[in-house]
N, C-alpha and C. Protein backbone atom coordinates (compact mmCIF):
# COMPACT_ATOMS: atom_id res chain seq x y z
N UNK A 1 0.95 -1.32 0.01
CA UNK A 1 -0.20 0.00 -0.12
C UNK A 1 0.66 1.41 -0.01
N UNK A 2 0.79 2.13 -1.07
CA UNK A 2 1.56 3.19 -1.00
C UNK A 2 0.76 4.41 -0.50
N UNK A 3 1.04 4.90 0.62
CA UNK A 3 -0.02 5.89 1.26
C UNK A 3 0.26 7.18 0.88
N UNK A 4 1.25 7.29 0.03
CA UNK A 4 1.69 8.88 -0.55
C UNK A 4 0.44 9.06 -1.73
N UNK A 5 -0.34 8.07 -1.89
CA UNK A 5 -1.14 8.01 -3.02
C UNK A 5 -2.73 8.38 -2.37
N UNK A 6 -2.85 8.26 -1.01
CA UNK A 6 -4.27 8.39 -0.53
C UNK A 6 -4.69 9.51 -1.07
N UNK A 7 -6.21 9.63 -1.21
CA UNK A 7 -6.90 11.02 -1.91
C UNK A 7 -6.57 12.20 -0.97
N UNK A 8 -6.45 11.80 0.50
CA UNK A 8 -6.53 13.12 1.25
C UNK A 8 -5.35 13.63 1.30
N UNK A 9 -4.22 13.09 0.81
CA UNK A 9 -2.83 13.45 0.78
C UNK A 9 -2.96 14.70 -0.37
N UNK A 10 -3.40 14.57 -1.38
CA UNK A 10 -3.68 15.15 -2.74
C UNK A 10 -4.53 16.66 -2.02
N UNK A 11 -5.71 16.22 -1.32
CA UNK A 11 -6.63 17.11 -1.20
C UNK A 11 -6.31 18.17 -0.41
N UNK A 12 -5.51 17.56 0.82
CA UNK A 12 -4.81 18.18 1.83
C UNK A 12 -3.78 19.31 1.22
N UNK A 13 -3.29 18.93 0.28
CA UNK A 13 -2.02 19.73 0.05
C UNK A 13 -2.31 21.13 -0.72
N UNK A 14 -3.43 22.01 -0.23
CA UNK A 14 -3.75 23.22 -0.80
C UNK A 14 -2.76 24.37 -0.27
N UNK A 15 -2.83 25.64 -0.72
CA UNK A 15 -1.85 26.53 -0.56
C UNK A 15 -1.57 26.74 0.88
N UNK A 16 -2.58 26.70 1.80
CA UNK A 16 -2.33 26.98 3.17
C UNK A 16 -1.65 25.71 3.97
N UNK A 17 -1.69 24.55 3.30
CA UNK A 17 -1.06 23.46 4.13
C UNK A 17 0.33 23.26 4.64
N UNK A 18 0.98 24.27 3.90
CA UNK A 18 2.29 24.10 4.50
C UNK A 18 2.69 25.19 5.56
N UNK A 19 1.62 26.12 5.75
CA UNK A 19 1.54 27.08 6.96
C UNK A 19 1.68 26.43 8.26
N UNK A 20 1.02 25.14 8.36
CA UNK A 20 0.93 24.51 9.70
C UNK A 20 2.15 24.03 10.10
N UNK A 21 2.43 24.17 11.43
CA UNK A 21 3.40 23.27 12.01
C UNK A 21 3.29 21.84 11.78
N UNK A 22 4.44 21.37 11.33
CA UNK A 22 4.48 19.74 11.07
C UNK A 22 4.83 18.86 12.12
N UNK A 23 4.14 17.98 12.26
CA UNK A 23 4.49 17.08 13.40
C UNK A 23 4.45 15.73 12.98
N UNK A 24 5.49 15.01 12.93
CA UNK A 24 5.78 13.66 12.39
C UNK A 24 5.21 12.61 13.54
N UNK A 25 4.33 11.84 12.83
CA UNK A 25 3.70 10.58 13.77
C UNK A 25 3.99 9.53 12.92
N UNK A 26 4.74 8.04 13.74
CA UNK A 26 4.97 7.02 13.14
C UNK A 26 4.01 5.74 13.77
N UNK A 27 3.55 4.94 12.76
CA UNK A 27 2.77 3.76 13.25
C UNK A 27 3.66 2.63 13.36
N UNK A 28 3.81 1.98 14.45
CA UNK A 28 4.78 0.91 14.47
C UNK A 28 4.14 -0.44 15.05
N UNK A 29 4.55 -1.47 14.81
CA UNK A 29 4.00 -2.70 15.56
C UNK A 29 4.23 -3.79 14.35
N UNK A 30 4.12 -5.09 15.15
CA UNK A 30 4.00 -6.15 14.11
C UNK A 30 3.25 -6.22 12.68
N UNK A 31 3.83 -6.86 11.81
CA UNK A 31 3.03 -6.78 10.47
C UNK A 31 1.68 -7.44 10.72
N UNK A 32 0.65 -6.97 10.06
CA UNK A 32 -0.74 -7.72 10.38
C UNK A 32 -1.46 -7.23 11.66
N UNK A 33 -1.09 -6.06 12.30
CA UNK A 33 -1.74 -5.49 13.20
C UNK A 33 -2.95 -4.59 12.94
N UNK A 34 -2.86 -4.13 11.76
CA UNK A 34 -3.87 -3.18 11.22
C UNK A 34 -3.33 -1.63 11.19
N UNK A 35 -2.03 -1.47 10.85
CA UNK A 35 -1.60 -0.16 10.89
C UNK A 35 -2.14 0.68 9.68
N UNK A 36 -1.97 0.05 8.58
CA UNK A 36 -2.52 0.76 7.44
C UNK A 36 -3.97 0.96 7.49
N UNK A 37 -4.73 -0.03 8.06
CA UNK A 37 -6.15 0.16 8.13
C UNK A 37 -6.69 1.31 8.96
N UNK A 38 -5.77 1.20 10.24
CA UNK A 38 -5.98 2.22 11.28
C UNK A 38 -6.01 3.84 10.58
N UNK A 39 -4.85 4.05 9.87
CA UNK A 39 -4.57 5.18 9.17
C UNK A 39 -5.55 5.53 8.07
N UNK A 40 -5.89 4.56 7.26
CA UNK A 40 -6.90 4.94 6.39
C UNK A 40 -8.25 5.18 7.04
N UNK A 41 -8.48 4.77 8.11
CA UNK A 41 -9.99 5.12 8.98
C UNK A 41 -9.75 6.30 9.46
N UNK A 42 -8.59 6.61 9.74
CA UNK A 42 -8.72 7.96 10.27
C UNK A 42 -8.48 9.30 9.33
N UNK A 43 -7.84 8.78 8.20
CA UNK A 43 -7.69 9.53 7.06
C UNK A 43 -8.83 9.77 6.31
N UNK A 44 -9.63 8.69 5.94
CA UNK A 44 -10.52 8.67 4.77
C UNK A 44 -12.14 8.26 5.62
N UNK A 45 -12.19 7.87 6.68
CA UNK A 45 -13.14 7.52 7.65
C UNK A 45 -13.95 6.27 7.05
N UNK A 46 -13.20 5.26 6.47
CA UNK A 46 -13.59 4.03 6.18
C UNK A 46 -12.70 2.88 6.09
N UNK A 47 -13.38 1.90 6.19
CA UNK A 47 -12.80 0.61 6.33
C UNK A 47 -12.83 -0.26 5.11
N UNK A 48 -11.56 -0.62 4.53
CA UNK A 48 -11.86 -1.23 3.23
C UNK A 48 -11.14 -2.84 3.38
N UNK A 49 -11.95 -3.78 3.78
CA UNK A 49 -11.52 -5.28 4.02
C UNK A 49 -10.86 -5.84 3.22
N UNK A 50 -9.71 -6.42 3.40
CA UNK A 50 -9.08 -7.34 2.50
C UNK A 50 -8.26 -6.51 1.42
N UNK A 51 -7.98 -5.22 1.54
CA UNK A 51 -7.33 -4.40 0.50
C UNK A 51 -6.06 -4.09 0.60
N UNK A 52 -5.52 -4.54 1.78
CA UNK A 52 -4.37 -4.24 2.17
C UNK A 52 -3.20 -5.57 2.11
N UNK A 53 -2.04 -5.82 1.23
CA UNK A 53 -1.12 -6.32 1.42
C UNK A 53 -0.17 -5.83 2.44
N UNK A 54 0.86 -6.60 2.85
CA UNK A 54 1.96 -6.12 4.03
C UNK A 54 2.41 -4.83 3.24
N UNK A 55 2.58 -3.82 3.99
CA UNK A 55 3.43 -2.52 3.78
C UNK A 55 4.50 -2.94 3.48
N UNK A 56 5.31 -2.48 2.39
CA UNK A 56 6.72 -2.77 2.03
C UNK A 56 7.44 -1.50 2.16
N UNK A 57 8.50 -1.48 3.30
CA UNK A 57 9.16 -0.40 3.54
C UNK A 57 8.56 0.81 4.45
N UNK A 58 8.05 1.92 3.96
CA UNK A 58 7.32 3.20 4.74
C UNK A 58 6.45 3.82 3.76
N UNK A 59 5.47 4.25 4.14
CA UNK A 59 4.95 5.10 3.29
C UNK A 59 4.00 6.34 4.06
N UNK A 60 3.44 7.44 3.66
CA UNK A 60 2.93 8.31 4.73
C UNK A 60 2.05 9.16 4.13
N UNK A 61 1.04 9.80 4.58
CA UNK A 61 0.07 10.64 4.17
C UNK A 61 -0.10 11.97 5.35
N UNK A 62 -0.56 12.92 4.97
CA UNK A 62 -0.63 14.45 5.78
C UNK A 62 -2.14 14.61 6.02
N UNK A 63 -2.41 14.87 7.16
CA UNK A 63 -3.63 15.27 7.55
C UNK A 63 -3.86 16.42 8.47
N UNK A 64 -4.61 17.46 8.12
CA UNK A 64 -4.57 18.69 9.04
C UNK A 64 -5.82 18.31 10.03
N UNK A 65 -5.53 18.38 11.25
CA UNK A 65 -6.72 18.43 12.37
C UNK A 65 -7.06 19.66 13.30
N UNK A 66 -8.15 19.85 13.69
CA UNK A 66 -8.42 20.93 14.36
C UNK A 66 -8.34 20.70 16.02
N UNK A 67 -7.46 21.42 16.76
CA UNK A 67 -7.38 21.14 18.29
C UNK A 67 -7.31 22.36 19.05
N UNK A 68 -8.49 22.56 19.84
CA UNK A 68 -8.62 23.61 20.69
C UNK A 68 -8.86 24.89 19.71
N UNK A 69 -9.35 24.79 18.71
CA UNK A 69 -9.57 25.83 17.83
C UNK A 69 -8.51 26.09 16.87
N UNK A 70 -7.11 25.56 16.79
CA UNK A 70 -5.87 25.61 16.12
C UNK A 70 -5.87 24.58 15.02
N UNK A 71 -5.29 24.78 13.85
CA UNK A 71 -4.90 23.61 13.09
C UNK A 71 -3.56 22.98 13.34
N UNK A 72 -3.55 21.83 13.30
CA UNK A 72 -2.26 20.97 13.40
C UNK A 72 -2.02 20.23 12.45
N UNK A 73 -0.99 20.14 11.80
CA UNK A 73 -0.86 19.22 10.52
C UNK A 73 0.15 18.05 10.89
N UNK A 74 -0.62 16.86 11.05
CA UNK A 74 0.11 15.53 11.01
C UNK A 74 0.56 15.01 9.88
N UNK A 75 1.92 14.67 9.81
CA UNK A 75 2.60 13.88 9.00
C UNK A 75 2.59 12.32 9.34
N UNK A 76 1.80 11.31 8.91
CA UNK A 76 1.63 10.31 9.55
C UNK A 76 2.46 9.16 8.85
N UNK A 77 3.56 8.47 9.37
CA UNK A 77 4.09 7.40 8.43
C UNK A 77 3.63 6.14 8.69
N UNK A 78 3.41 5.30 7.84
CA UNK A 78 3.13 3.89 8.16
C UNK A 78 4.36 2.94 7.81
N UNK A 79 4.75 2.18 8.78
CA UNK A 79 5.96 1.47 8.53
C UNK A 79 5.58 -0.09 8.46
N UNK A 80 6.55 -0.91 7.75
CA UNK A 80 6.55 -2.19 7.55
C UNK A 80 6.79 -2.94 8.99
N UNK A 81 6.02 -4.06 9.24
CA UNK A 81 6.24 -4.64 10.48
C UNK A 81 7.16 -5.78 10.52
N UNK A 82 7.48 -6.20 9.14
CA UNK A 82 8.32 -7.43 9.01
C UNK A 82 9.81 -6.94 9.43
N UNK A 83 10.45 -8.07 10.00
CA UNK A 83 11.74 -8.01 10.25
C UNK A 83 12.97 -7.36 9.33
N UNK A 84 12.61 -7.74 7.96
CA UNK A 84 13.73 -7.46 7.04
C UNK A 84 13.44 -5.97 6.77
N UNK A 85 12.46 -5.37 7.25
CA UNK A 85 12.45 -3.92 6.82
C UNK A 85 12.70 -3.15 8.15
N UNK A 86 13.07 -3.73 9.21
CA UNK A 86 13.35 -2.91 10.51
C UNK A 86 14.44 -1.82 10.44
N UNK A 87 15.41 -2.05 9.73
CA UNK A 87 16.73 -1.02 9.63
C UNK A 87 15.97 0.15 9.02
N UNK A 88 15.14 -0.02 8.06
CA UNK A 88 14.51 1.11 7.37
C UNK A 88 13.69 1.87 8.28
N UNK A 89 12.97 1.42 9.09
CA UNK A 89 12.03 2.01 10.32
C UNK A 89 12.91 2.62 11.30
N UNK A 90 13.89 2.04 11.46
CA UNK A 90 14.98 2.83 12.55
C UNK A 90 15.14 4.14 12.18
N UNK A 91 15.30 4.29 10.94
CA UNK A 91 15.80 5.77 10.40
C UNK A 91 14.71 6.73 10.65
N UNK A 92 13.52 6.36 10.64
CA UNK A 92 12.51 7.30 10.65
C UNK A 92 12.15 7.56 12.23
N UNK A 93 12.49 6.77 12.99
CA UNK A 93 12.48 7.02 14.50
C UNK A 93 13.04 8.40 14.84
N UNK A 94 13.97 8.75 14.20
CA UNK A 94 15.05 9.92 15.01
C UNK A 94 14.43 11.17 15.08
N UNK A 95 13.52 11.59 14.00
CA UNK A 95 12.94 12.95 13.82
C UNK A 95 11.29 12.79 14.16
N UNK A 96 11.15 11.54 15.00
CA UNK A 96 9.53 11.46 15.03
C UNK A 96 9.27 12.17 16.30
N UNK A 97 8.16 13.09 16.35
CA UNK A 97 7.47 13.62 17.76
C UNK A 97 6.56 12.65 18.38
N UNK A 98 5.95 11.65 17.63
CA UNK A 98 5.02 10.80 18.17
C UNK A 98 5.26 9.36 17.54
N UNK A 99 4.86 8.47 18.51
CA UNK A 99 4.86 6.95 17.91
C UNK A 99 3.45 6.38 18.44
N UNK A 100 2.77 5.77 17.44
CA UNK A 100 1.64 4.88 17.89
C UNK A 100 1.93 3.47 17.73
N UNK A 101 1.98 2.82 18.72
CA UNK A 101 2.50 1.14 18.81
C UNK A 101 1.44 0.45 19.00
N UNK A 102 1.35 -0.26 17.91
CA UNK A 102 0.04 -1.18 17.72
C UNK A 102 0.26 -2.82 18.28
N UNK A 103 -0.67 -3.44 18.91
CA UNK A 103 -0.83 -4.94 18.76
C UNK A 103 -2.26 -5.12 18.52
N UNK A 104 -2.31 -6.40 17.97
CA UNK A 104 -3.64 -7.05 17.89
C UNK A 104 -4.06 -7.78 19.01
N UNK A 105 -5.20 -7.46 19.38
CA UNK A 105 -5.82 -8.41 20.45
C UNK A 105 -6.11 -9.73 20.42
N UNK A 106 -6.22 -10.22 19.03
CA UNK A 106 -6.45 -11.42 18.74
C UNK A 106 -5.15 -12.27 18.32
N UNK A 107 -4.03 -11.49 18.61
CA UNK A 107 -2.72 -12.31 18.29
C UNK A 107 -1.70 -11.91 19.53
N UNK A 108 -1.54 -13.11 20.03
CA UNK A 108 -0.79 -13.05 21.49
C UNK A 108 0.64 -12.72 20.94
N UNK A 109 1.15 -13.16 20.04
CA UNK A 109 2.83 -12.67 19.58
C UNK A 109 3.07 -11.29 19.29
N UNK A 110 1.95 -10.52 18.80
CA UNK A 110 1.95 -9.24 18.72
C UNK A 110 2.24 -8.51 19.87
N UNK A 111 1.51 -9.00 20.97
CA UNK A 111 1.35 -8.33 22.23
C UNK A 111 2.65 -8.45 22.90
N UNK A 112 3.16 -9.90 22.83
CA UNK A 112 4.43 -10.28 23.46
C UNK A 112 5.65 -9.37 22.97
N UNK A 113 5.38 -9.03 21.53
CA UNK A 113 6.55 -8.31 20.69
C UNK A 113 6.84 -6.81 21.41
N UNK A 114 5.61 -6.34 22.14
CA UNK A 114 5.57 -4.97 22.26
C UNK A 114 6.73 -4.37 23.15
N UNK A 115 7.08 -5.25 24.01
CA UNK A 115 8.31 -4.98 24.76
C UNK A 115 9.66 -4.69 23.79
N UNK A 116 9.94 -5.53 22.84
CA UNK A 116 10.95 -5.49 21.97
C UNK A 116 10.66 -3.82 21.13
N UNK A 117 9.70 -3.62 20.69
CA UNK A 117 9.28 -2.59 19.97
C UNK A 117 9.91 -1.24 20.91
N UNK A 118 9.21 -1.48 22.25
CA UNK A 118 9.71 -0.35 22.96
C UNK A 118 11.20 -0.33 23.45
N UNK A 119 12.01 -1.35 23.37
CA UNK A 119 13.38 -1.27 23.30
C UNK A 119 13.67 -0.83 22.25
N UNK A 120 13.31 -0.90 21.06
CA UNK A 120 13.92 -0.19 19.77
C UNK A 120 13.62 1.12 19.86
N UNK A 121 12.35 1.44 20.30
CA UNK A 121 12.04 3.20 20.24
C UNK A 121 12.92 3.73 21.43
N UNK A 122 13.26 3.04 22.42
CA UNK A 122 14.00 3.74 23.47
C UNK A 122 15.46 4.03 22.70
N UNK A 123 15.96 3.03 22.06
CA UNK A 123 17.38 3.06 21.40
C UNK A 123 17.23 4.20 20.30
N UNK A 124 16.22 3.94 19.61
CA UNK A 124 16.55 4.96 18.20
C UNK A 124 15.73 6.17 18.31
N UNK A 125 14.79 6.42 19.20
CA UNK A 125 13.64 7.51 18.99
C UNK A 125 14.56 8.81 19.96
N UNK A 126 13.87 9.74 19.80
CA UNK A 126 14.08 11.16 20.81
C UNK A 126 13.56 10.68 22.11
N UNK A 127 14.20 11.14 23.06
CA UNK A 127 13.97 11.05 24.27
C UNK A 127 12.73 11.25 24.75
N UNK A 128 12.16 12.63 24.30
CA UNK A 128 10.88 13.01 24.55
C UNK A 128 9.75 12.67 23.74
N UNK A 129 9.98 11.56 22.74
CA UNK A 129 9.04 11.34 21.84
C UNK A 129 7.60 10.90 22.68
N UNK A 130 6.60 11.32 22.00
CA UNK A 130 5.06 10.78 22.71
C UNK A 130 4.94 9.55 22.17
N UNK A 131 4.59 8.51 23.16
CA UNK A 131 4.27 7.24 22.84
C UNK A 131 2.93 6.80 23.42
N UNK A 132 1.82 6.15 22.58
CA UNK A 132 0.63 5.57 22.83
C UNK A 132 0.47 4.32 22.53
N UNK A 133 0.08 3.46 23.40
CA UNK A 133 0.03 1.94 23.03
C UNK A 133 -1.65 1.72 22.62
N UNK A 134 -1.84 1.10 21.47
CA UNK A 134 -2.99 0.76 20.89
C UNK A 134 -3.20 -0.77 20.96
N UNK A 135 -4.16 -1.28 21.46
CA UNK A 135 -4.75 -2.61 21.07
C UNK A 135 -5.98 -2.62 19.89
N UNK A 136 -5.51 -3.07 18.85
CA UNK A 136 -6.32 -2.78 17.76
C UNK A 136 -7.22 -4.27 17.53
N UNK A 137 -7.99 -3.94 16.87
CA UNK A 137 -8.93 -5.15 16.51
C UNK A 137 -9.77 -5.35 17.57
N UNK A 138 -10.28 -4.46 18.28
CA UNK A 138 -11.23 -4.70 19.46
C UNK A 138 -12.45 -5.14 18.95
N UNK A 139 -13.01 -4.95 17.67
CA UNK A 139 -14.30 -5.40 17.21
C UNK A 139 -14.25 -6.92 16.91
N UNK A 140 -13.05 -7.64 17.25
CA UNK A 140 -13.21 -8.92 16.88
C UNK A 140 -13.13 -9.81 18.39
N UNK A 141 -14.07 -9.25 19.16
CA UNK A 141 -14.16 -9.72 20.76
C UNK A 141 -14.25 -11.48 20.70
N UNK A 142 -14.98 -11.92 19.89
CA UNK A 142 -15.04 -13.55 19.90
C UNK A 142 -13.58 -14.11 19.72
N UNK A 143 -12.51 -13.41 19.02
CA UNK A 143 -11.36 -14.21 18.93
C UNK A 143 -10.21 -13.27 19.71
N UNK A 144 -10.57 -12.82 20.79
CA UNK A 144 -9.80 -11.87 21.90
C UNK A 144 -9.06 -13.02 22.45
N UNK A 145 -7.66 -12.76 22.53
CA UNK A 145 -6.72 -13.51 23.30
C UNK A 145 -5.91 -12.56 24.39
N UNK A 146 -5.79 -11.20 24.25
CA UNK A 146 -5.28 -10.33 24.93
C UNK A 146 -6.38 -9.35 25.64
N UNK A 147 -6.50 -9.72 27.10
CA UNK A 147 -7.42 -9.12 27.76
C UNK A 147 -7.31 -7.49 27.75
N UNK A 148 -8.41 -6.42 28.14
CA UNK A 148 -8.22 -4.98 28.23
C UNK A 148 -7.39 -4.87 29.16
N UNK A 149 -7.30 -5.67 30.35
CA UNK A 149 -6.37 -5.43 31.69
C UNK A 149 -4.93 -5.58 31.33
N UNK A 150 -4.82 -6.34 30.37
CA UNK A 150 -3.27 -6.66 29.99
C UNK A 150 -2.77 -5.70 29.20
N UNK A 151 -3.26 -5.02 28.43
CA UNK A 151 -2.87 -3.78 27.68
C UNK A 151 -2.67 -2.50 28.81
N UNK A 152 -4.02 -2.47 29.59
CA UNK A 152 -3.68 -1.36 30.54
C UNK A 152 -2.38 -1.79 31.47
N UNK A 153 -2.26 -2.78 32.19
CA UNK A 153 -1.09 -3.25 32.83
C UNK A 153 0.33 -2.97 32.26
N UNK A 154 0.45 -3.19 31.15
CA UNK A 154 1.80 -2.96 30.28
C UNK A 154 2.01 -1.51 30.19
N UNK A 155 0.65 -0.91 29.63
CA UNK A 155 1.03 0.58 29.58
C UNK A 155 1.40 1.42 30.99
N UNK A 156 0.70 0.82 32.07
CA UNK A 156 1.36 1.60 33.09
C UNK A 156 2.62 1.17 33.40
N UNK A 157 3.18 0.18 33.24
CA UNK A 157 4.51 -0.29 33.63
C UNK A 157 5.48 0.59 32.75
N UNK A 158 4.96 1.09 31.50
CA UNK A 158 5.81 1.73 30.68
C UNK A 158 5.72 3.46 30.71
N UNK A 159 4.55 3.65 31.59
CA UNK A 159 4.05 5.20 31.74
C UNK A 159 3.63 5.77 30.46
N UNK A 160 3.09 4.98 29.63
CA UNK A 160 2.45 5.39 28.35
C UNK A 160 0.78 5.42 28.34
N UNK A 161 0.12 6.22 27.44
CA UNK A 161 -1.48 6.33 27.34
C UNK A 161 -1.75 5.05 26.57
N UNK A 162 -2.94 4.41 26.95
CA UNK A 162 -3.53 3.32 26.19
C UNK A 162 -4.90 3.08 26.09
N UNK A 163 -5.10 2.65 24.75
CA UNK A 163 -6.66 2.53 24.46
C UNK A 163 -6.78 1.31 23.54
N UNK A 164 -7.85 0.90 23.46
CA UNK A 164 -8.04 -0.27 22.44
C UNK A 164 -8.77 0.31 21.51
N UNK A 165 -8.59 -0.14 20.11
CA UNK A 165 -9.04 0.62 18.87
C UNK A 165 -9.72 -0.16 17.73
N UNK A 166 -10.29 0.04 17.11
CA UNK A 166 -11.01 -0.72 15.75
C UNK A 166 -10.78 -0.04 14.68
N UNK A 167 -10.04 -0.49 13.80
CA UNK A 167 -9.91 0.25 12.43
C UNK A 167 -11.00 -0.09 11.70
N UNK A 168 -11.95 -1.10 11.74
CA UNK A 168 -12.91 -1.43 11.17
C UNK A 168 -14.33 -0.50 11.58
N UNK A 169 -14.57 -0.38 12.80
CA UNK A 169 -15.77 0.24 13.31
C UNK A 169 -15.32 1.82 13.47
N UNK A 170 -14.04 2.05 13.72
CA UNK A 170 -13.53 3.65 14.08
C UNK A 170 -13.57 3.65 15.37
N UNK A 171 -13.78 2.39 16.41
CA UNK A 171 -13.61 2.77 17.91
C UNK A 171 -12.35 3.46 18.09
N UNK A 172 -12.50 4.66 18.80
CA UNK A 172 -11.28 5.30 19.52
C UNK A 172 -10.07 5.53 18.42
N UNK A 173 -10.45 5.62 17.32
CA UNK A 173 -9.44 5.97 16.26
C UNK A 173 -8.92 7.46 16.06
N UNK A 174 -10.22 8.15 15.96
CA UNK A 174 -9.97 9.46 16.19
C UNK A 174 -9.29 9.95 17.41
N UNK A 175 -9.86 9.71 18.69
CA UNK A 175 -9.51 9.88 19.78
C UNK A 175 -8.09 9.63 19.91
N UNK A 176 -7.46 8.66 19.36
CA UNK A 176 -5.89 8.47 19.43
C UNK A 176 -5.30 9.26 18.69
N UNK A 177 -5.26 9.86 17.38
CA UNK A 177 -4.77 10.63 16.71
C UNK A 177 -5.00 11.99 17.19
N UNK A 178 -6.03 12.57 17.74
CA UNK A 178 -6.28 13.85 18.35
C UNK A 178 -5.78 13.93 19.77
N UNK A 179 -5.44 13.00 20.35
CA UNK A 179 -4.70 12.90 21.71
C UNK A 179 -3.25 13.36 21.51
N UNK A 180 -2.89 12.70 20.32
CA UNK A 180 -1.60 12.98 19.96
C UNK A 180 -1.30 14.21 19.46
N UNK A 181 -1.97 14.71 18.66
CA UNK A 181 -2.14 15.97 18.23
C UNK A 181 -2.22 17.15 19.21
N UNK A 182 -2.96 16.95 20.22
CA UNK A 182 -3.33 18.02 21.38
C UNK A 182 -1.85 17.99 22.30
N UNK A 183 -1.06 16.90 22.39
CA UNK A 183 -0.21 16.86 23.27
C UNK A 183 1.07 17.63 22.26
N UNK A 184 1.16 17.25 20.96
CA UNK A 184 2.22 17.83 20.27
C UNK A 184 1.83 19.25 20.11
N UNK A 185 0.68 20.05 20.14
CA UNK A 185 0.21 21.30 19.95
C UNK A 185 0.63 21.97 21.12
N UNK A 186 0.27 21.40 22.20
CA UNK A 186 0.64 22.09 23.49
C UNK A 186 2.23 22.02 23.76
N UNK A 187 3.00 21.20 23.36
CA UNK A 187 4.50 21.02 23.54
C UNK A 187 4.99 22.42 22.58
N UNK A 188 4.50 22.45 21.17
CA UNK A 188 5.28 23.41 20.65
C UNK A 188 4.79 24.93 21.29
N UNK A 189 3.86 25.12 21.87
CA UNK A 189 3.44 26.53 22.18
C UNK A 189 3.42 26.96 23.58
N UNK A 190 4.03 25.75 24.52
CA UNK A 190 3.79 26.01 25.79
C UNK A 190 4.76 27.06 26.23
N UNK A 191 4.22 27.77 27.18
CA UNK A 191 4.93 28.98 28.04
C UNK A 191 5.42 28.22 29.19
N UNK A 192 6.62 28.97 29.67
CA UNK A 192 7.19 28.33 30.88
C UNK A 192 6.19 28.13 32.16
N UNK A 193 5.25 29.32 32.23
CA UNK A 193 4.67 29.20 33.18
C UNK A 193 3.19 28.53 33.22
N UNK A 194 3.07 27.74 32.12
CA UNK A 194 1.78 27.08 31.94
C UNK A 194 1.99 25.52 32.44
N UNK A 195 0.85 25.25 33.07
CA UNK A 195 0.64 23.87 33.71
C UNK A 195 0.70 22.87 32.58
N UNK A 196 1.57 21.65 33.08
CA UNK A 196 1.63 20.66 31.86
C UNK A 196 0.29 19.82 31.43
N UNK A 197 0.32 19.52 30.32
CA UNK A 197 -0.80 18.92 29.69
C UNK A 197 -0.32 17.36 29.97
N UNK A 198 -1.37 16.50 30.50
CA UNK A 198 -0.99 15.32 30.83
C UNK A 198 -1.72 14.33 29.69
N UNK A 199 -1.16 13.78 28.86
CA UNK A 199 -1.92 13.15 27.84
C UNK A 199 -2.42 11.78 28.27
N UNK A 200 -1.99 11.27 29.20
CA UNK A 200 -2.55 10.02 29.89
C UNK A 200 -4.00 10.54 30.56
N UNK A 201 -3.86 11.36 31.30
CA UNK A 201 -5.12 11.97 31.96
C UNK A 201 -6.27 12.44 30.95
N UNK A 202 -5.92 12.98 29.82
CA UNK A 202 -6.51 13.37 28.79
C UNK A 202 -7.50 12.11 28.19
N UNK A 203 -6.97 11.22 27.76
CA UNK A 203 -7.18 9.97 27.19
C UNK A 203 -8.17 9.16 28.09
N UNK A 204 -7.78 9.20 29.57
CA UNK A 204 -8.71 8.38 30.30
C UNK A 204 -10.04 9.32 30.58
N UNK A 205 -9.80 10.59 30.49
CA UNK A 205 -11.03 11.28 30.88
C UNK A 205 -11.92 11.62 29.54
N UNK A 206 -11.55 11.21 28.28
CA UNK A 206 -12.13 11.25 26.96
C UNK A 206 -12.92 9.57 26.93
N UNK A 207 -12.35 8.90 27.41
CA UNK A 207 -12.64 7.31 27.30
C UNK A 207 -13.84 7.06 28.17
N UNK A 208 -13.95 8.08 29.22
CA UNK A 208 -15.12 7.86 30.25
C UNK A 208 -16.32 8.70 29.77
N UNK A 209 -16.12 9.40 28.53
CA UNK A 209 -17.30 10.21 28.25
C UNK A 209 -18.33 9.36 27.86
N UNK A 210 -19.58 9.62 28.18
CA UNK A 210 -20.63 8.65 27.32
C UNK A 210 -20.62 8.76 25.76
N UNK A 211 -20.60 7.54 25.23
CA UNK A 211 -20.67 7.51 23.94
C UNK A 211 -19.34 7.35 23.26
N UNK A 212 -18.31 7.67 24.24
CA UNK A 212 -17.11 7.90 23.62
C UNK A 212 -16.59 6.66 22.69
N UNK A 213 -16.51 5.52 23.32
CA UNK A 213 -15.76 4.48 22.84
C UNK A 213 -16.63 3.37 22.54
N UNK A 214 -17.97 3.28 22.22
CA UNK A 214 -18.51 2.51 21.90
C UNK A 214 -18.51 2.10 20.19
N UNK A 215 -18.82 0.83 19.86
CA UNK A 215 -18.69 0.75 18.50
C UNK A 215 -19.53 1.45 17.65
N UNK A 216 -19.08 1.77 16.38
CA UNK A 216 -20.03 2.60 15.58
C UNK A 216 -20.99 1.72 14.89
């Protein structure tokens, strides 16, 4: 899947597109966890079943979102999860402001490998990179092998925000990207005397809102 060809990338590249502060976000995780589908759901608001083969190398799309009345431009990179492309992915960690780390709730190995991904992130990414853990494919509850509590416990261990998502239904997809955008916007414009924005607290408060996280 060449994400540079996504329709919204072309549609979003208007005259004012370059005026917004650019924030680079990378999707990482094992092959098959739904990274490309998650991005397409956020970007185009739709799920295209069975349309994506494994991402080869890396691709990206741009998306402008509105956060607290201000526009934030996210450059979102979709990486290949296969081991043979790992060295390519490493090169993109260095200037990333945010990383969305995905596992598949129906695939135990994708969850077990999260620690290895976090080790790589610690080695190659910036020290202050924003990390969010996502348990994807939450719509396939009948095939679940990773409990919600397991994801929450791992996220607490590493001190990162966490939520379950569904690229198919759209559950929590927008919230995940908007929380990242909100954090990056805050960091870019923070004044020394301003109180800190806590992305984990924000995510938890949004997840508790009525109707926030139910399937569409």
